[in-house]
Amino acid sequence: MAKQSLFKEFFAFIKHEKKWWMIPLISVLLLVSGLILFSSSSPLAPFIYPLF
């Protein structure tokens, strides 16, 4: 429940302050962090590491 209100508050901030450039930045950060978490405990790790 707290996560949902956090996301609502974040997008309300972006909409009100016109900080649209933050959306791609946050998206890339979430994607990279998810990839790092996934690759550290996955049997696919040897195939993911050459991407970097």
C-alpha atoms as a PDB file:
ATOM      1  CA  MET A   1       0.000   0.000   0.000  1.00  0.00           C
ATOM      2  CA  ALA A   2       2.821   2.400   0.821  1.00  0.00           C
ATOM      3  CA  LYS A   3       4.539   1.713  -2.509  1.00  0.00           C
ATOM      4  CA  GLN A   4       1.430   2.670  -4.434  1.00  0.00           C
ATOM      5  CA  SER A   5       1.141   6.024  -2.674  1.00  0.00           C
ATOM      6  CA  LEU A   6       4.869   6.608  -3.203  1.00  0.00           C
ATOM      7  CA  PHE A   7       4.469   6.109  -6.963  1.00  0.00           C
ATOM      8  CA  LYS A   8       1.380   8.332  -7.035  1.00  0.00           C
ATOM      9  CA  GLU A   9       3.215  11.046  -5.143  1.00  0.00           C
ATOM     10  CA  PHE A  10       6.263  10.750  -7.412  1.00  0.00           C
ATOM     11  CA  PHE A  11       4.204  11.080 -10.604  1.00  0.00           C
ATOM     12  CA  ALA A  12       2.214  13.959  -9.101  1.00  0.00           C
ATOM     13  CA  PHE A  13       5.534  15.701  -8.406  1.00  0.00           C
ATOM     14  CA  ILE A  14       6.705  15.088 -11.977  1.00  0.00           C
ATOM     15  CA  LYS A  15       3.439  16.379 -13.396  1.00  0.00           C
ATOM     16  CA  HIS A  16       3.327  19.462 -11.167  1.00  0.00           C
ATOM     17  CA  GLU A  17       6.995  20.440 -11.479  1.00  0.00           C
ATOM     18  CA  LYS A  18       7.246  19.531 -15.196  1.00  0.00           C
ATOM     19  CA  LYS A  19      10.247  17.271 -14.603  1.00  0.00           C
ATOM     20  CA  TRP A  20       9.471  14.873 -17.471  1.00  0.00           C
ATOM     21  CA  TRP A  21      13.162  14.218 -18.057  1.00  0.00           C
ATOM     22  CA  MET A  22      13.232  12.201 -14.824  1.00  0.00           C
ATOM     23  CA  ILE A  23      11.029   9.404 -16.219  1.00  0.00           C
ATOM     24  CA  PRO A  24      13.652   7.920 -18.600  1.00  0.00           C
ATOM     25  CA  LEU A  25      16.345   8.342 -15.958  1.00  0.00           C
ATOM     26  CA  ILE A  26      14.362   6.473 -13.293  1.00  0.00           C
ATOM     27  CA  SER A  27      13.301   3.824 -15.821  1.00  0.00           C
ATOM     28  CA  VAL A  28      16.889   3.109 -16.857  1.00  0.00           C
ATOM     29  CA  LEU A  29      18.040   2.983 -13.238  1.00  0.00           C
ATOM     30  CA  LEU A  30      15.287   0.491 -12.367  1.00  0.00           C
ATOM     31  CA  LEU A  31      16.046  -1.612 -15.445  1.00  0.00           C
ATOM     32  CA  VAL A  32      19.780  -1.771 -14.761  1.00  0.00           C
ATOM     33  CA  SER A  33      19.296  -2.545 -11.074  1.00  0.00           C
ATOM     34  CA  GLY A  34      16.828  -5.305 -11.942  1.00  0.00           C
ATOM     35  CA  LEU A  35      19.260  -6.729 -14.480  1.00  0.00           C
ATOM     36  CA  ILE A  36      22.070  -6.710 -11.919  1.00  0.00           C
ATOM     37  CA  LEU A  37      19.914  -8.437  -9.312  1.00  0.00           C
ATOM     38  CA  PHE A  38      18.702 -10.991 -11.844  1.00  0.00           C
ATOM     39  CA  SER A  39      22.129 -11.724 -13.278  1.00  0.00           C
ATOM     40  CA  SER A  40      23.847 -12.189  -9.927  1.00  0.00           C
ATOM     41  CA  SER A  41      21.685 -15.175  -8.975  1.00  0.00           C
ATOM     42  CA  SER A  42      20.849 -16.591 -12.365  1.00  0.00           C
ATOM     43  CA  PRO A  43      22.320 -19.392 -14.448  1.00  0.00           C
ATOM     44  CA  LEU A  44      22.116 -16.901 -17.330  1.00  0.00           C
ATOM     45  CA  ALA A  45      24.806 -14.702 -15.734  1.00  0.00           C
ATOM     46  CA  PRO A  46      27.604 -15.770 -18.136  1.00  0.00           C
ATOM     47  CA  PHE A  47      25.412 -14.697 -21.065  1.00  0.00           C
ATOM     48  CA  ILE A  48      24.373 -11.354 -19.558  1.00  0.00           C
ATOM     49  CA  TYR A  49      27.833 -10.120 -18.497  1.00  0.00           C
ATOM     50  CA  PRO A  50      29.153  -9.718 -22.085  1.00  0.00           C
ATOM     51  CA  LEU A  51      26.457  -7.077 -22.645  1.00  0.00           C
ATOM     52  CA  PHE A  52      28.435  -4.750 -20.412  1.00  0.00           C
END
